[in-house]
PDB file of all heavy atoms in Angstrom:
ATOM      1  N   LYS A   1       0.820  -1.209   0.000  1.00  0.00           N
ATOM      2  CA  LYS A   1       0.000   0.000   0.000  1.00  0.00           C
ATOM      3  C   LYS A   1       0.856   1.261   0.000  1.00  0.00           C
ATOM      4  O   LYS A   1       0.555   2.232  -0.709  1.00  0.00           O
ATOM      5  CB  LYS A   1      -0.930  -0.002   1.212  1.00  0.00           C
ATOM      6  CG  LYS A   1      -2.052  -1.036   1.127  1.00  0.00           C
ATOM      7  CD  LYS A   1      -2.943  -0.967   2.357  1.00  0.00           C
ATOM      8  CE  LYS A   1      -4.108  -1.932   2.258  1.00  0.00           C
ATOM      9  NZ  LYS A   1      -4.977  -1.897   3.469  1.00  0.00           N
ATOM     10  N   VAL A   2       1.929   1.260   0.786  1.00  0.00           N
ATOM     11  CA  VAL A   2       2.805   2.435   0.840  1.00  0.00           C
ATOM     12  C   VAL A   2       3.510   2.642  -0.490  1.00  0.00           C
ATOM     13  O   VAL A   2       3.627   3.772  -0.980  1.00  0.00           O
ATOM     14  CB  VAL A   2       3.820   2.305   1.990  1.00  0.00           C
ATOM     15  CG1 VAL A   2       4.860   3.427   1.912  1.00  0.00           C
ATOM     16  CG2 VAL A   2       3.126   2.337   3.339  1.00  0.00           C
ATOM     17  N   THR A   3       3.966   1.558  -1.094  1.00  0.00           N
ATOM     18  CA  THR A   3       4.629   1.659  -2.396  1.00  0.00           C
ATOM     19  C   THR A   3       3.702   2.248  -3.440  1.00  0.00           C
ATOM     20  O   THR A   3       4.114   3.083  -4.263  1.00  0.00           O
ATOM     21  CB  THR A   3       5.112   0.268  -2.854  1.00  0.00           C
ATOM     22  OG1 THR A   3       6.061  -0.239  -1.906  1.00  0.00           O
ATOM     23  CG2 THR A   3       5.770   0.353  -4.227  1.00  0.00           C
ATOM     24  N   GLU A   4       2.431   1.851  -3.406  1.00  0.00           N
ATOM     25  CA  GLU A   4       1.448   2.388  -4.346  1.00  0.00           C
ATOM     26  C   GLU A   4       1.264   3.889  -4.137  1.00  0.00           C
ATOM     27  O   GLU A   4       1.186   4.661  -5.102  1.00  0.00           O
ATOM     28  CB  GLU A   4       0.113   1.661  -4.176  1.00  0.00           C
ATOM     29  CG  GLU A   4       0.140   0.216  -4.675  1.00  0.00           C
ATOM     30  CD  GLU A   4      -1.152  -0.521  -4.362  1.00  0.00           C
ATOM     31  OE1 GLU A   4      -1.985   0.042  -3.598  1.00  0.00           O
ATOM     32  OE2 GLU A   4      -1.331  -1.642  -4.853  1.00  0.00           O
ATOM     33  N   LEU A   5       1.193   4.321  -2.871  1.00  0.00           N
ATOM     34  CA  LEU A   5       1.024   5.743  -2.581  1.00  0.00           C
ATOM     35  C   LEU A   5       2.261   6.540  -2.992  1.00  0.00           C
ATOM     36  O   LEU A   5       2.146   7.656  -3.519  1.00  0.00           O
ATOM     37  CB  LEU A   5       0.731   5.949  -1.094  1.00  0.00           C
ATOM     38  CG  LEU A   5      -0.689   5.633  -0.640  1.00  0.00           C
ATOM     39  CD1 LEU A   5      -0.780   5.639   0.885  1.00  0.00           C
ATOM     40  CD2 LEU A   5      -1.686   6.636  -1.222  1.00  0.00           C
ATOM     41  N   LEU A   6       3.430   5.991  -2.751  1.00  0.00           N
ATOM     42  CA  LEU A   6       4.662   6.677  -3.135  1.00  0.00           C
ATOM     43  C   LEU A   6       4.718   6.895  -4.641  1.00  0.00           C
ATOM     44  O   LEU A   6       5.117   7.965  -5.118  1.00  0.00           O
ATOM     45  CB  LEU A   6       5.876   5.866  -2.672  1.00  0.00           C
ATOM     46  CG  LEU A   6       6.150   5.845  -1.169  1.00  0.00           C
ATOM     47  CD1 LEU A   6       7.212   4.798  -0.834  1.00  0.00           C
ATOM     48  CD2 LEU A   6       6.589   7.209  -0.674  1.00  0.00           C
ATOM     49  N   MET A   7       4.311   5.895  -5.389  1.00  0.00           N
ATOM     50  CA  MET A   7       4.299   6.019  -6.850  1.00  0.00           C
ATOM     51  C   MET A   7       3.232   7.019  -7.291  1.00  0.00           C
ATOM     52  O   MET A   7       3.472   7.851  -8.169  1.00  0.00           O
ATOM     53  CB  MET A   7       4.049   4.651  -7.496  1.00  0.00           C
ATOM     54  CG  MET A   7       5.185   3.666  -7.325  1.00  0.00           C
ATOM     55  SD  MET A   7       4.839   2.066  -8.105  1.00  0.00           S
ATOM     56  CE  MET A   7       4.725   2.561  -9.828  1.00  0.00           C
ATOM     57  N   LEU A   8       2.063   6.948  -6.676  1.00  0.00           N
ATOM     58  CA  LEU A   8       0.950   7.823  -7.049  1.00  0.00           C
ATOM     59  C   LEU A   8       1.282   9.290  -6.841  1.00  0.00           C
ATOM     60  O   LEU A   8       0.892  10.149  -7.630  1.00  0.00           O
ATOM     61  CB  LEU A   8      -0.289   7.447  -6.235  1.00  0.00           C
ATOM     62  CG  LEU A   8      -1.597   8.151  -6.582  1.00  0.00           C
ATOM     63  CD1 LEU A   8      -2.028   7.825  -8.008  1.00  0.00           C
ATOM     64  CD2 LEU A   8      -2.686   7.766  -5.591  1.00  0.00           C
ATOM     65  N   PHE A   9       2.051   9.580  -5.790  1.00  0.00           N
ATOM     66  CA  PHE A   9       2.373  10.967  -5.454  1.00  0.00           C
ATOM     67  C   PHE A   9       3.808  11.356  -5.824  1.00  0.00           C
ATOM     68  O   PHE A   9       4.331  12.347  -5.335  1.00  0.00           O
ATOM     69  CB  PHE A   9       2.116  11.224  -3.970  1.00  0.00           C
ATOM     70  CG  PHE A   9       0.656  11.322  -3.623  1.00  0.00           C
ATOM     71  CD1 PHE A   9      -0.069  10.195  -3.301  1.00  0.00           C
ATOM     72  CD2 PHE A   9      -0.004  12.541  -3.663  1.00  0.00           C
ATOM     73  CE1 PHE A   9      -1.421  10.271  -3.005  1.00  0.00           C
ATOM     74  CE2 PHE A   9      -1.348  12.632  -3.374  1.00  0.00           C
ATOM     75  CZ  PHE A   9      -2.067  11.492  -3.048  1.00  0.00           C
ATOM     76  N   ASN A  10       4.428  10.556  -6.690  1.00  0.00           N
ATOM     77  CA  ASN A  10       5.760  10.878  -7.212  1.00  0.00           C
ATOM     78  C   ASN A  10       6.775  11.096  -6.093  1.00  0.00           C
ATOM     79  O   ASN A  10       7.537  12.062  -6.091  1.00  0.00           O
ATOM     80  CB  ASN A  10       5.689  12.125  -8.108  1.00  0.00           C
ATOM     81  CG  ASN A  10       6.935  12.308  -8.955  1.00  0.00           C
ATOM     82  OD1 ASN A  10       7.706  11.378  -9.147  1.00  0.00           O
ATOM     83  ND2 ASN A  10       7.140  13.515  -9.456  1.00  0.00           N
ATOM     84  N   LEU A  11       6.774  10.181  -5.130  1.00  0.00           N
ATOM     85  CA  LEU A  11       7.684  10.266  -3.990  1.00  0.00           C
ATOM     86  C   LEU A  11       8.508   8.995  -3.815  1.00  0.00           C
ATOM     87  O   LEU A  11       9.144   8.810  -2.771  1.00  0.00           O
ATOM     88  CB  LEU A  11       6.884  10.539  -2.699  1.00  0.00           C
ATOM     89  CG  LEU A  11       6.180  11.890  -2.612  1.00  0.00           C
ATOM     90  CD1 LEU A  11       5.241  11.912  -1.409  1.00  0.00           C
ATOM     91  CD2 LEU A  11       7.186  13.031  -2.503  1.00  0.00           C
ATOM     92  N   SER A  12       8.527   8.126  -4.805  1.00  0.00           N
ATOM     93  CA  SER A  12       9.189   6.826  -4.672  1.00  0.00           C
ATOM     94  C   SER A  12      10.655   6.951  -4.304  1.00  0.00           C
ATOM     95  O   SER A  12      11.177   6.192  -3.497  1.00  0.00           O
ATOM     96  CB  SER A  12       9.040   6.029  -5.979  1.00  0.00           C
ATOM     97  OG  SER A  12       7.696   5.735  -6.241  1.00  0.00           O
ATOM     98  N   GLY A  13      11.328   7.927  -4.886  1.00  0.00           N
ATOM     99  CA  GLY A  13      12.751   8.087  -4.610  1.00  0.00           C
ATOM    100  C   GLY A  13      13.056   8.797  -3.309  1.00  0.00           C
ATOM    101  O   GLY A  13      14.226   9.014  -2.975  1.00  0.00           O
ATOM    102  N   LYS A  14      12.012   9.153  -2.556  1.00  0.00           N
ATOM    103  CA  LYS A  14      12.186   9.924  -1.320  1.00  0.00           C
ATOM    104  C   LYS A  14      11.811   9.128  -0.068  1.00  0.00           C
ATOM    105  O   LYS A  14      11.787   9.697   1.020  1.00  0.00           O
ATOM    106  CB  LYS A  14      11.325  11.193  -1.373  1.00  0.00           C
ATOM    107  CG  LYS A  14      11.472  11.999  -2.648  1.00  0.00           C
ATOM    108  CD  LYS A  14      12.863  12.558  -2.831  1.00  0.00           C
ATOM    109  CE  LYS A  14      12.963  13.377  -4.107  1.00  0.00           C
ATOM    110  NZ  LYS A  14      14.334  13.899  -4.320  1.00  0.00           N
ATOM    111  N   LYS A  15      11.515   7.847  -0.197  1.00  0.00           N
ATOM    112  CA  LYS A  15      10.919   7.103   0.914  1.00  0.00           C
ATOM    113  C   LYS A  15      11.808   7.008   2.147  1.00  0.00           C
ATOM    114  O   LYS A  15      11.309   6.873   3.265  1.00  0.00           O
ATOM    115  CB  LYS A  15      10.510   5.702   0.459  1.00  0.00           C
ATOM    116  CG  LYS A  15      11.663   4.783   0.076  1.00  0.00           C
ATOM    117  CD  LYS A  15      11.125   3.412  -0.317  1.00  0.00           C
ATOM    118  CE  LYS A  15      12.249   2.446  -0.635  1.00  0.00           C
ATOM    119  NZ  LYS A  15      11.708   1.099  -0.991  1.00  0.00           N
ATOM    120  N   SER A  16      13.120   7.096   1.978  1.00  0.00           N
ATOM    121  CA  SER A  16      14.030   6.969   3.124  1.00  0.00           C
ATOM    122  C   SER A  16      14.370   8.303   3.777  1.00  0.00           C
ATOM    123  O   SER A  16      15.017   8.340   4.822  1.00  0.00           O
ATOM    124  CB  SER A  16      15.331   6.282   2.689  1.00  0.00           C
ATOM    125  OG  SER A  16      15.071   4.976   2.207  1.00  0.00           O
ATOM    126  N   LEU A  17      13.931   9.398   3.163  1.00  0.00           N
ATOM    127  CA  LEU A  17      14.232  10.723   3.697  1.00  0.00           C
ATOM    128  C   LEU A  17      13.305  11.076   4.853  1.00  0.00           C
ATOM    129  O   LEU A  17      12.181  10.583   4.945  1.00  0.00           O
ATOM    130  CB  LEU A  17      14.084  11.782   2.610  1.00  0.00           C
ATOM    131  CG  LEU A  17      15.037  11.721   1.418  1.00  0.00           C
ATOM    132  CD1 LEU A  17      14.730  12.867   0.465  1.00  0.00           C
ATOM    133  CD2 LEU A  17      16.482  11.786   1.872  1.00  0.00           C
ATOM    134  N   HIS A  18      13.779  11.968   5.715  1.00  0.00           N
ATOM    135  CA  HIS A  18      12.894  12.557   6.716  1.00  0.00           C
ATOM    136  C   HIS A  18      11.946  13.506   5.982  1.00  0.00           C
ATOM    137  O   HIS A  18      12.363  14.195   5.042  1.00  0.00           O
ATOM    138  CB  HIS A  18      13.709  13.336   7.750  1.00  0.00           C
ATOM    139  CG  HIS A  18      12.932  13.726   8.964  1.00  0.00           C
ATOM    140  ND1 HIS A  18      11.983  14.737   8.949  1.00  0.00           N
ATOM    141  CD2 HIS A  18      12.933  13.234  10.238  1.00  0.00           C
ATOM    142  CE1 HIS A  18      11.443  14.851  10.142  1.00  0.00           C
ATOM    143  NE2 HIS A  18      11.998  13.963  10.950  1.00  0.00           N
ATOM    144  N   PRO A  19      10.665  13.569   6.367  1.00  0.00           N
ATOM    145  CA  PRO A  19       9.734  14.467   5.685  1.00  0.00           C
ATOM    146  C   PRO A  19      10.214  15.908   5.603  1.00  0.00           C
ATOM    147  O   PRO A  19       9.916  16.610   4.634  1.00  0.00           O
ATOM    148  CB  PRO A  19       8.461  14.347   6.530  1.00  0.00           C
ATOM    149  CG  PRO A  19       8.513  12.964   7.079  1.00  0.00           C
ATOM    150  CD  PRO A  19       9.973  12.717   7.356  1.00  0.00           C
ATOM    151  N   TYR A  20      10.974  16.369   6.598  1.00  0.00           N
ATOM    152  CA  TYR A  20      11.459  17.743   6.588  1.00  0.00           C
ATOM    153  C   TYR A  20      12.510  17.989   5.508  1.00  0.00           C
ATOM    154  O   TYR A  20      12.824  19.134   5.194  1.00  0.00           O
ATOM    155  CB  TYR A  20      12.046  18.119   7.947  1.00  0.00           C
ATOM    156  CG  TYR A  20      11.022  18.364   9.023  1.00  0.00           C
ATOM    157  CD1 TYR A  20       9.678  18.082   8.829  1.00  0.00           C
ATOM    158  CD2 TYR A  20      11.393  18.873  10.266  1.00  0.00           C
ATOM    159  CE1 TYR A  20       8.737  18.297   9.815  1.00  0.00           C
ATOM    160  CE2 TYR A  20      10.458  19.100  11.270  1.00  0.00           C
ATOM    161  CZ  TYR A  20       9.128  18.808  11.037  1.00  0.00           C
ATOM    162  OH  TYR A  20       8.203  19.026  12.023  1.00  0.00           O
ATOM    163  N   GLN A  21      13.090  16.911   4.956  1.00  0.00           N
ATOM    164  CA  GLN A  21      14.099  17.056   3.912  1.00  0.00           C
ATOM    165  C   GLN A  21      13.485  17.252   2.530  1.00  0.00           C
ATOM    166  O   GLN A  21      14.202  17.543   1.578  1.00  0.00           O
ATOM    167  CB  GLN A  21      15.014  15.832   3.883  1.00  0.00           C
ATOM    168  CG  GLN A  21      15.972  15.737   5.068  1.00  0.00           C
ATOM    169  CD  GLN A  21      16.883  14.530   4.942  1.00  0.00           C
ATOM    170  OE1 GLN A  21      16.529  13.426   5.343  1.00  0.00           O
ATOM    171  NE2 GLN A  21      18.049  14.743   4.366  1.00  0.00           N
ATOM    172  N   LEU A  22      12.187  17.103   2.421  1.00  0.00           N
ATOM    173  CA  LEU A  22      11.522  17.255   1.137  1.00  0.00           C
ATOM    174  C   LEU A  22      11.373  18.727   0.766  1.00  0.00           C
ATOM    175  O   LEU A  22      11.421  19.601   1.624  1.00  0.00           O
ATOM    176  CB  LEU A  22      10.129  16.616   1.193  1.00  0.00           C
ATOM    177  CG  LEU A  22      10.047  15.133   1.529  1.00  0.00           C
ATOM    178  CD1 LEU A  22       8.593  14.702   1.610  1.00  0.00           C
ATOM    179  CD2 LEU A  22      10.800  14.293   0.510  1.00  0.00           C
ATOM    180  N   SER A  23      11.180  18.985  -0.517  1.00  0.00           N
ATOM    181  CA  SER A  23      10.843  20.334  -0.944  1.00  0.00           C
ATOM    182  C   SER A  23       9.430  20.639  -0.476  1.00  0.00           C
ATOM    183  O   SER A  23       8.679  19.744  -0.072  1.00  0.00           O
ATOM    184  CB  SER A  23      10.920  20.441  -2.475  1.00  0.00           C
ATOM    185  OG  SER A  23       9.834  19.742  -3.076  1.00  0.00           O
ATOM    186  N   MET A  24       9.028  21.918  -0.546  1.00  0.00           N
ATOM    187  CA  MET A  24       7.697  22.273  -0.088  1.00  0.00           C
ATOM    188  C   MET A  24       6.620  21.563  -0.903  1.00  0.00           C
ATOM    189  O   MET A  24       5.624  21.074  -0.355  1.00  0.00           O
ATOM    190  CB  MET A  24       7.497  23.785  -0.154  1.00  0.00           C
ATOM    191  CG  MET A  24       6.127  24.240   0.346  1.00  0.00           C
ATOM    192  SD  MET A  24       5.747  23.734   2.046  1.00  0.00           S
ATOM    193  CE  MET A  24       6.805  24.899   2.950  1.00  0.00           C
ATOM    194  N   GLY A  25       6.810  21.488  -2.220  1.00  0.00           N
ATOM    195  CA  GLY A  25       5.842  20.798  -3.050  1.00  0.00           C
ATOM    196  C   GLY A  25       5.730  19.324  -2.693  1.00  0.00           C
ATOM    197  O   GLY A  25       4.642  18.748  -2.668  1.00  0.00           O
ATOM    198  N   GLN A  26       6.871  18.684  -2.406  1.00  0.00           N
ATOM    199  CA  GLN A  26       6.871  17.276  -2.013  1.00  0.00           C
ATOM    200  C   GLN A  26       6.227  17.084  -0.641  1.00  0.00           C
ATOM    201  O   GLN A  26       5.514  16.100  -0.409  1.00  0.00           O
ATOM    202  CB  GLN A  26       8.304  16.744  -2.016  1.00  0.00           C
ATOM    203  CG  GLN A  26       8.906  16.649  -3.408  1.00  0.00           C
ATOM    204  CD  GLN A  26      10.412  16.482  -3.395  1.00  0.00           C
ATOM    205  OE1 GLN A  26      11.079  16.698  -2.373  1.00  0.00           O
ATOM    206  NE2 GLN A  26      10.969  16.098  -4.525  1.00  0.00           N
ATOM    207  N   LYS A  27       6.459  18.029   0.265  1.00  0.00           N
ATOM    208  CA  LYS A  27       5.799  17.970   1.576  1.00  0.00           C
ATOM    209  C   LYS A  27       4.287  18.041   1.422  1.00  0.00           C
ATOM    210  O   LYS A  27       3.554  17.330   2.112  1.00  0.00           O
ATOM    211  CB  LYS A  27       6.287  19.108   2.469  1.00  0.00           C
ATOM    212  CG  LYS A  27       7.719  18.968   2.964  1.00  0.00           C
ATOM    213  CD  LYS A  27       8.134  20.212   3.742  1.00  0.00           C
ATOM    214  CE  LYS A  27       9.573  20.127   4.190  1.00  0.00           C
ATOM    215  NZ  LYS A  27      10.037  21.369   4.865  1.00  0.00           N
ATOM    216  N   ARG A  28       3.831  18.925   0.523  1.00  0.00           N
ATOM    217  CA  ARG A  28       2.399  19.048   0.307  1.00  0.00           C
ATOM    218  C   ARG A  28       1.820  17.732  -0.205  1.00  0.00           C
ATOM    219  O   ARG A  28       0.748  17.309   0.213  1.00  0.00           O
ATOM    220  CB  ARG A  28       2.096  20.162  -0.707  1.00  0.00           C
ATOM    221  CG  ARG A  28       2.552  21.539  -0.299  1.00  0.00           C
ATOM    222  CD  ARG A  28       1.915  21.961   0.996  1.00  0.00           C
ATOM    223  NE  ARG A  28       0.506  22.247   0.869  1.00  0.00           N
ATOM    224  CZ  ARG A  28      -0.344  22.265   1.892  1.00  0.00           C
ATOM    225  NH1 ARG A  28       0.072  21.950   3.093  1.00  0.00           N
ATOM    226  NH2 ARG A  28      -1.613  22.561   1.709  1.00  0.00           N
ATOM    227  N   ARG A  29       2.516  17.101  -1.143  1.00  0.00           N
ATOM    228  CA  ARG A  29       2.015  15.837  -1.688  1.00  0.00           C
ATOM    229  C   ARG A  29       1.994  14.749  -0.621  1.00  0.00           C
ATOM    230  O   ARG A  29       1.060  13.943  -0.554  1.00  0.00           O
ATOM    231  CB  ARG A  29       2.866  15.402  -2.885  1.00  0.00           C
ATOM    232  CG  ARG A  29       2.837  16.400  -4.025  1.00  0.00           C
ATOM    233  CD  ARG A  29       3.154  15.750  -5.355  1.00  0.00           C
ATOM    234  NE  ARG A  29       4.494  15.210  -5.441  1.00  0.00           N
ATOM    235  CZ  ARG A  29       5.564  15.915  -5.753  1.00  0.00           C
ATOM    236  NH1 ARG A  29       5.467  17.230  -5.973  1.00  0.00           N
ATOM    237  NH2 ARG A  29       6.745  15.341  -5.853  1.00  0.00           N
ATOM    238  N   LEU A  30       3.016  14.730   0.236  1.00  0.00           N
ATOM    239  CA  LEU A  30       3.054  13.745   1.312  1.00  0.00           C
ATOM    240  C   LEU A  30       1.906  13.962   2.286  1.00  0.00           C
ATOM    241  O   LEU A  30       1.275  13.003   2.759  1.00  0.00           O
ATOM    242  CB  LEU A  30       4.395  13.804   2.045  1.00  0.00           C
ATOM    243  CG  LEU A  30       4.553  12.853   3.242  1.00  0.00           C
ATOM    244  CD1 LEU A  30       4.374  11.397   2.812  1.00  0.00           C
ATOM    245  CD2 LEU A  30       5.904  13.052   3.918  1.00  0.00           C
ATOM    246  N   SER A  31       1.613  15.221   2.594  1.00  0.00           N
ATOM    247  CA  SER A  31       0.537  15.507   3.545  1.00  0.00           C
ATOM    248  C   SER A  31      -0.816  15.051   2.995  1.00  0.00           C
ATOM    249  O   SER A  31      -1.653  14.528   3.732  1.00  0.00           O
ATOM    250  CB  SER A  31       0.505  16.998   3.893  1.00  0.00           C
ATOM    251  OG  SER A  31       0.168  17.789   2.765  1.00  0.00           O
ATOM    252  N   VAL A  32      -1.023  15.246   1.682  1.00  0.00           N
ATOM    253  CA  VAL A  32      -2.278  14.782   1.076  1.00  0.00           C
ATOM    254  C   VAL A  32      -2.311  13.266   1.041  1.00  0.00           C
ATOM    255  O   VAL A  32      -3.345  12.638   1.305  1.00  0.00           O
ATOM    256  CB  VAL A  32      -2.433  15.352  -0.348  1.00  0.00           C
ATOM    257  CG1 VAL A  32      -3.698  14.795  -1.009  1.00  0.00           C
ATOM    258  CG2 VAL A  32      -2.497  16.875  -0.311  1.00  0.00           C
ATOM    259  N   ALA A  33      -1.171  12.645   0.740  1.00  0.00           N
ATOM    260  CA  ALA A  33      -1.109  11.175   0.687  1.00  0.00           C
ATOM    261  C   ALA A  33      -1.433  10.551   2.039  1.00  0.00           C
ATOM    262  O   ALA A  33      -2.143   9.534   2.112  1.00  0.00           O
ATOM    263  CB  ALA A  33       0.281  10.732   0.220  1.00  0.00           C
ATOM    264  N   THR A  34      -0.925  11.149   3.120  1.00  0.00           N
ATOM    265  CA  THR A  34      -1.208  10.592   4.450  1.00  0.00           C
ATOM    266  C   THR A  34      -2.687  10.707   4.788  1.00  0.00           C
ATOM    267  O   THR A  34      -3.262   9.833   5.448  1.00  0.00           O
ATOM    268  CB  THR A  34      -0.386  11.311   5.534  1.00  0.00           C
ATOM    269  OG1 THR A  34      -0.654  12.721   5.500  1.00  0.00           O
ATOM    270  CG2 THR A  34       1.106  11.079   5.329  1.00  0.00           C
ATOM    271  N   ALA A  35      -3.328  11.792   4.325  1.00  0.00           N
ATOM    272  CA  ALA A  35      -4.764  11.943   4.567  1.00  0.00           C
ATOM    273  C   ALA A  35      -5.564  10.932   3.756  1.00  0.00           C
ATOM    274  O   ALA A  35      -6.511  10.322   4.256  1.00  0.00           O
ATOM    275  CB  ALA A  35      -5.204  13.368   4.229  1.00  0.00           C
ATOM    276  N   LEU A  36      -5.181  10.726   2.493  1.00  0.00           N
ATOM    277  CA  LEU A  36      -5.902   9.782   1.641  1.00  0.00           C
ATOM    278  C   LEU A  36      -5.687   8.335   2.066  1.00  0.00           C
ATOM    279  O   LEU A  36      -6.525   7.476   1.787  1.00  0.00           O
ATOM    280  CB  LEU A  36      -5.475   9.961   0.185  1.00  0.00           C
ATOM    281  CG  LEU A  36      -5.983  11.212  -0.528  1.00  0.00           C
ATOM    282  CD1 LEU A  36      -5.485  11.247  -1.964  1.00  0.00           C
ATOM    283  CD2 LEU A  36      -7.493  11.269  -0.515  1.00  0.00           C
ATOM    284  N   ALA A  37      -4.567   8.061   2.742  1.00  0.00           N
ATOM    285  CA  ALA A  37      -4.307   6.700   3.214  1.00  0.00           C
ATOM    286  C   ALA A  37      -5.402   6.214   4.155  1.00  0.00           C
ATOM    287  O   ALA A  37      -5.675   5.014   4.252  1.00  0.00           O
ATOM    288  CB  ALA A  37      -2.949   6.638   3.906  1.00  0.00           C
ATOM    289  N   GLN A  38      -6.067   7.153   4.821  1.00  0.00           N
ATOM    290  CA  GLN A  38      -7.137   6.807   5.754  1.00  0.00           C
ATOM    291  C   GLN A  38      -8.463   6.552   5.031  1.00  0.00           C
ATOM    292  O   GLN A  38      -9.414   6.078   5.642  1.00  0.00           O
ATOM    293  CB  GLN A  38      -7.345   7.957   6.750  1.00  0.00           C
ATOM    294  CG  GLN A  38      -6.106   8.364   7.506  1.00  0.00           C
ATOM    295  CD  GLN A  38      -6.314   9.666   8.264  1.00  0.00           C
ATOM    296  OE1 GLN A  38      -7.386   9.923   8.799  1.00  0.00           O
ATOM    297  NE2 GLN A  38      -5.289  10.505   8.302  1.00  0.00           N
ATOM    298  N   ASN A  39      -8.515   6.896   3.717  1.00  0.00           N
ATOM    299  CA  ASN A  39      -9.734   6.784   2.925  1.00  0.00           C
ATOM    300  C   ASN A  39     -10.923   7.434   3.629  1.00  0.00           C
ATOM    301  O   ASN A  39     -11.977   6.814   3.816  1.00  0.00           O
ATOM    302  CB  ASN A  39     -10.062   5.309   2.623  1.00  0.00           C
ATOM    303  CG  ASN A  39     -11.143   5.184   1.557  1.00  0.00           C
ATOM    304  OD1 ASN A  39     -11.244   6.013   0.652  1.00  0.00           O
ATOM    305  ND2 ASN A  39     -11.974   4.157   1.671  1.00  0.00           N
ATOM    306  N   PRO A  40     -10.786   8.707   4.024  1.00  0.00           N
ATOM    307  CA  PRO A  40     -11.872   9.362   4.759  1.00  0.00           C
ATOM    308  C   PRO A  40     -13.048   9.706   3.850  1.00  0.00           C
ATOM    309  O   PRO A  40     -12.864   9.981   2.657  1.00  0.00           O
ATOM    310  CB  PRO A  40     -11.200  10.629   5.294  1.00  0.00           C
ATOM    311  CG  PRO A  40     -10.175  10.949   4.253  1.00  0.00           C
ATOM    312  CD  PRO A  40      -9.664   9.625   3.766  1.00  0.00           C
ATOM    313  N   ALA A  41     -14.244   9.711   4.406  1.00  0.00           N
ATOM    314  CA  ALA A  41     -15.429  10.097   3.631  1.00  0.00           C
ATOM    315  C   ALA A  41     -15.408  11.585   3.321  1.00  0.00           C
ATOM    316  O   ALA A  41     -15.909  12.030   2.290  1.00  0.00           O
ATOM    317  CB  ALA A  41     -16.687   9.737   4.407  1.00  0.00           C
ATOM    318  N   ILE A  42     -14.816  12.378   4.229  1.00  0.00           N
ATOM    319  CA  ILE A  42     -14.728  13.830   4.072  1.00  0.00           C
ATOM    320  C   ILE A  42     -13.261  14.228   4.082  1.00  0.00           C
ATOM    321  O   ILE A  42     -12.519  13.828   4.986  1.00  0.00           O
ATOM    322  CB  ILE A  42     -15.464  14.554   5.209  1.00  0.00           C
ATOM    323  CG1 ILE A  42     -16.916  14.070   5.308  1.00  0.00           C
ATOM    324  CG2 ILE A  42     -15.412  16.063   5.029  1.00  0.00           C
ATOM    325  CD1 ILE A  42     -17.579  14.436   6.601  1.00  0.00           C
ATOM    326  N   LEU A  43     -12.836  14.981   3.092  1.00  0.00           N
ATOM    327  CA  LEU A  43     -11.439  15.405   3.008  1.00  0.00           C
ATOM    328  C   LEU A  43     -11.374  16.923   3.113  1.00  0.00           C
ATOM    329  O   LEU A  43     -11.939  17.642   2.288  1.00  0.00           O
ATOM    330  CB  LEU A  43     -10.824  14.941   1.688  1.00  0.00           C
ATOM    331  CG  LEU A  43      -9.311  15.095   1.538  1.00  0.00           C
ATOM    332  CD1 LEU A  43      -8.575  14.341   2.640  1.00  0.00           C
ATOM    333  CD2 LEU A  43      -8.855  14.587   0.171  1.00  0.00           C
ATOM    334  N   LEU A  44     -10.714  17.414   4.156  1.00  0.00           N
ATOM    335  CA  LEU A  44     -10.551  18.846   4.400  1.00  0.00           C
ATOM    336  C   LEU A  44      -9.126  19.239   4.034  1.00  0.00           C
ATOM    337  O   LEU A  44      -8.173  18.721   4.610  1.00  0.00           O
ATOM    338  CB  LEU A  44     -10.825  19.168   5.875  1.00  0.00           C
ATOM    339  CG  LEU A  44     -12.173  18.689   6.436  1.00  0.00           C
ATOM    340  CD1 LEU A  44     -12.200  18.834   7.954  1.00  0.00           C
ATOM    341  CD2 LEU A  44     -13.318  19.463   5.813  1.00  0.00           C
ATOM    342  N   LEU A  45      -8.970  20.155   3.090  1.00  0.00           N
ATOM    343  CA  LEU A  45      -7.642  20.524   2.599  1.00  0.00           C
ATOM    344  C   LEU A  45      -7.454  22.028   2.649  1.00  0.00           C
ATOM    345  O   LEU A  45      -8.304  22.778   2.171  1.00  0.00           O
ATOM    346  CB  LEU A  45      -7.439  20.045   1.160  1.00  0.00           C
ATOM    347  CG  LEU A  45      -7.695  18.571   0.862  1.00  0.00           C
ATOM    348  CD1 LEU A  45      -8.974  18.430   0.067  1.00  0.00           C
ATOM    349  CD2 LEU A  45      -6.547  17.948   0.104  1.00  0.00           C
TER     350      LEU A  45
END
């Protein structure tokens, strides 16, 4: 599941990095990916 999310959000090459090491755009994608991982009925962005 994590591999699928990493590919979906173009973060595959960043999986071993600390989230703070990402660019701002990559941080934004990671934050959305973590929210979608929960498959919530309501998504607040």
